[in-house]
Amino acid sequence: MRRCPRCNGVDGLGPNRRWCASCERGYDEWIRQHASDIIAPTLLAGSIVIAVGLGLPLLGVGWLVAATGVFAGFGAMYGSFRLLRRKRRRQFLEASLPRAYLPGE
């Protein structure tokens, strides 16, 4: 049986899971406190779409070139959301475990 790398427990660690069920549940509860993290990537993507997708046709650039602004906005949103998610996961890993989860006690 594999052990959870976070709490060193063995409960519910399946083949497709990194952590045990209780650590995953704790992460899900913890990440809900940071639900507003989606606002910054969405504003970034929206501003790119507006600047490129609407600004370039006003400057005389063809609509096909300006349509790439949508893809650039989506790429920026996806990339910044992934970076924020990694940052939050690291923060959760660095946070101390509750007393009940300490191994060997």
C-alpha atoms as a PDB file:
ATOM      1  CA  MET A   1       0.000   0.000   0.000  1.00  0.00           C
ATOM      2  CA  ARG A   2       1.198   3.469  -0.850  1.00  0.00           C
ATOM      3  CA  ARG A   3       1.418   6.184   1.756  1.00  0.00           C
ATOM      4  CA  CYS A   4       0.102   9.720   1.347  1.00  0.00           C
ATOM      5  CA  PRO A   5       3.057  12.100   0.838  1.00  0.00           C
ATOM      6  CA  ARG A   6       1.238  14.834   2.783  1.00  0.00           C
ATOM      7  CA  CYS A   7       0.136  13.123   5.992  1.00  0.00           C
ATOM      8  CA  ASN A   8       1.866   9.724   5.686  1.00  0.00           C
ATOM      9  CA  GLY A   9      -1.509   8.002   6.003  1.00  0.00           C
ATOM     10  CA  VAL A  10      -2.822   5.080   3.949  1.00  0.00           C
ATOM     11  CA  ASP A  11      -6.575   5.701   3.900  1.00  0.00           C
ATOM     12  CA  GLY A  12      -8.106   5.842   0.418  1.00  0.00           C
ATOM     13  CA  LEU A  13      -4.975   6.417  -1.644  1.00  0.00           C
ATOM     14  CA  GLY A  14      -6.026   5.205  -5.073  1.00  0.00           C
ATOM     15  CA  PRO A  15      -3.906   4.678  -8.192  1.00  0.00           C
ATOM     16  CA  ASN A  16      -4.887   8.070  -9.704  1.00  0.00           C
ATOM     17  CA  ARG A  17      -4.573  10.137  -6.524  1.00  0.00           C
ATOM     18  CA  ARG A  18      -1.601  12.025  -5.218  1.00  0.00           C
ATOM     19  CA  TRP A  19      -2.954  12.378  -1.699  1.00  0.00           C
ATOM     20  CA  CYS A  20      -5.262  10.393   0.548  1.00  0.00           C
ATOM     21  CA  ALA A  21      -8.983  11.142   0.632  1.00  0.00           C
ATOM     22  CA  SER A  22      -8.802  13.210   3.829  1.00  0.00           C
ATOM     23  CA  CYS A  23      -5.988  15.435   2.480  1.00  0.00           C
ATOM     24  CA  GLU A  24      -7.857  15.931  -0.801  1.00  0.00           C
ATOM     25  CA  ARG A  25     -10.995  16.855   1.136  1.00  0.00           C
ATOM     26  CA  GLY A  26      -8.997  19.278   3.285  1.00  0.00           C
ATOM     27  CA  TYR A  27      -7.500  20.865   0.169  1.00  0.00           C
ATOM     28  CA  ASP A  28     -10.954  21.243  -1.397  1.00  0.00           C
ATOM     29  CA  GLU A  29     -12.224  23.009   1.725  1.00  0.00           C
ATOM     30  CA  TRP A  30      -9.122  25.196   1.950  1.00  0.00           C
ATOM     31  CA  ILE A  31      -9.123  26.245  -1.722  1.00  0.00           C
ATOM     32  CA  ARG A  32     -12.708  27.496  -1.479  1.00  0.00           C
ATOM     33  CA  GLN A  33     -11.389  30.315   0.684  1.00  0.00           C
ATOM     34  CA  HIS A  34      -9.492  31.522  -2.389  1.00  0.00           C
ATOM     35  CA  ALA A  35     -12.345  31.313  -4.890  1.00  0.00           C
ATOM     36  CA  SER A  36     -11.763  34.912  -5.929  1.00  0.00           C
ATOM     37  CA  ASP A  37      -8.513  33.857  -7.641  1.00  0.00           C
ATOM     38  CA  ILE A  38     -10.464  33.495 -10.895  1.00  0.00           C
ATOM     39  CA  ILE A  39     -11.110  37.252 -11.063  1.00  0.00           C
ATOM     40  CA  ALA A  40      -7.580  38.348 -12.035  1.00  0.00           C
ATOM     41  CA  PRO A  41      -7.135  35.856 -14.924  1.00  0.00           C
ATOM     42  CA  THR A  42     -10.595  36.690 -16.233  1.00  0.00           C
ATOM     43  CA  LEU A  43      -9.897  40.435 -16.181  1.00  0.00           C
ATOM     44  CA  LEU A  44      -6.543  39.850 -17.873  1.00  0.00           C
ATOM     45  CA  ALA A  45      -8.130  37.758 -20.631  1.00  0.00           C
ATOM     46  CA  GLY A  46     -10.963  40.224 -21.099  1.00  0.00           C
ATOM     47  CA  SER A  47      -8.615  43.165 -21.436  1.00  0.00           C
ATOM     48  CA  ILE A  48      -6.504  41.292 -24.003  1.00  0.00           C
ATOM     49  CA  VAL A  49      -9.590  40.388 -26.021  1.00  0.00           C
ATOM     50  CA  ILE A  50     -10.840  43.978 -25.906  1.00  0.00           C
ATOM     51  CA  ALA A  51      -7.469  45.516 -26.761  1.00  0.00           C
ATOM     52  CA  VAL A  52      -6.540  43.106 -29.548  1.00  0.00           C
ATOM     53  CA  GLY A  53      -9.913  41.909 -30.784  1.00  0.00           C
ATOM     54  CA  LEU A  54     -11.590  45.313 -30.824  1.00  0.00           C
ATOM     55  CA  GLY A  55      -8.620  47.657 -31.003  1.00  0.00           C
ATOM     56  CA  LEU A  56      -6.890  46.207 -34.046  1.00  0.00           C
ATOM     57  CA  PRO A  57      -9.907  46.468 -36.387  1.00  0.00           C
ATOM     58  CA  LEU A  58     -10.251  50.108 -35.375  1.00  0.00           C
ATOM     59  CA  LEU A  59      -6.653  50.615 -36.468  1.00  0.00           C
ATOM     60  CA  GLY A  60      -7.344  49.044 -39.866  1.00  0.00           C
ATOM     61  CA  VAL A  61      -5.970  45.544 -39.300  1.00  0.00           C
ATOM     62  CA  GLY A  62      -7.965  42.695 -40.830  1.00  0.00           C
ATOM     63  CA  TRP A  63     -10.537  40.856 -38.765  1.00  0.00           C
ATOM     64  CA  LEU A  64      -8.700  37.537 -39.114  1.00  0.00           C
ATOM     65  CA  VAL A  65      -5.614  38.953 -37.417  1.00  0.00           C
ATOM     66  CA  ALA A  66      -7.783  40.580 -34.764  1.00  0.00           C
ATOM     67  CA  ALA A  67      -9.526  37.247 -34.106  1.00  0.00           C
ATOM     68  CA  THR A  68      -6.250  35.929 -32.731  1.00  0.00           C
ATOM     69  CA  GLY A  69      -6.911  38.202 -29.759  1.00  0.00           C
ATOM     70  CA  VAL A  70      -9.497  35.720 -28.572  1.00  0.00           C
ATOM     71  CA  PHE A  71      -6.935  32.926 -28.605  1.00  0.00           C
ATOM     72  CA  ALA A  72      -4.341  35.145 -26.954  1.00  0.00           C
ATOM     73  CA  GLY A  73      -6.847  36.053 -24.235  1.00  0.00           C
ATOM     74  CA  PHE A  74      -7.737  32.416 -23.660  1.00  0.00           C
ATOM     75  CA  GLY A  75      -4.050  31.480 -23.496  1.00  0.00           C
ATOM     76  CA  ALA A  76      -3.355  34.229 -20.986  1.00  0.00           C
ATOM     77  CA  MET A  77      -6.310  33.185 -18.847  1.00  0.00           C
ATOM     78  CA  TYR A  78      -5.337  29.515 -18.934  1.00  0.00           C
ATOM     79  CA  GLY A  79      -1.680  30.208 -18.160  1.00  0.00           C
ATOM     80  CA  SER A  80      -2.302  32.613 -15.311  1.00  0.00           C
ATOM     81  CA  PHE A  81      -4.937  30.324 -13.798  1.00  0.00           C
ATOM     82  CA  ARG A  82      -2.472  27.416 -13.839  1.00  0.00           C
ATOM     83  CA  LEU A  83       0.183  29.567 -12.159  1.00  0.00           C
ATOM     84  CA  LEU A  84      -2.269  30.631  -9.450  1.00  0.00           C
ATOM     85  CA  ARG A  85      -3.381  27.035  -8.908  1.00  0.00           C
ATOM     86  CA  ARG A  86       0.236  25.889  -8.490  1.00  0.00           C
ATOM     87  CA  LYS A  87       0.878  28.733  -6.065  1.00  0.00           C
ATOM     88  CA  ARG A  88      -2.153  27.820  -3.963  1.00  0.00           C
ATOM     89  CA  ARG A  89      -1.203  24.128  -3.960  1.00  0.00           C
ATOM     90  CA  ARG A  90       2.293  25.037  -2.692  1.00  0.00           C
ATOM     91  CA  GLN A  91       0.741  27.240  -0.010  1.00  0.00           C
ATOM     92  CA  PHE A  92      -1.458  24.361   1.099  1.00  0.00           C
ATOM     93  CA  LEU A  93       1.506  21.992   1.210  1.00  0.00           C
ATOM     94  CA  GLU A  94       3.533  24.429   3.301  1.00  0.00           C
ATOM     95  CA  ALA A  95       0.683  24.948   5.765  1.00  0.00           C
ATOM     96  CA  SER A  96       0.950  22.939   8.946  1.00  0.00           C
ATOM     97  CA  LEU A  97      -1.173  19.864   9.405  1.00  0.00           C
ATOM     98  CA  PRO A  98      -3.791  19.739  12.136  1.00  0.00           C
ATOM     99  CA  ARG A  99      -2.671  17.850  15.252  1.00  0.00           C
ATOM    100  CA  ALA A 100      -4.866  14.856  14.440  1.00  0.00           C
ATOM    101  CA  TYR A 101      -2.979  14.219  11.161  1.00  0.00           C
ATOM    102  CA  LEU A 102       0.536  14.075  12.555  1.00  0.00           C
ATOM    103  CA  PRO A 103       2.028  10.652  11.788  1.00  0.00           C
ATOM    104  CA  GLY A 104       3.236   8.361  14.534  1.00  0.00           C
ATOM    105  CA  GLU A 105       1.188   9.813  17.341  1.00  0.00           C
END
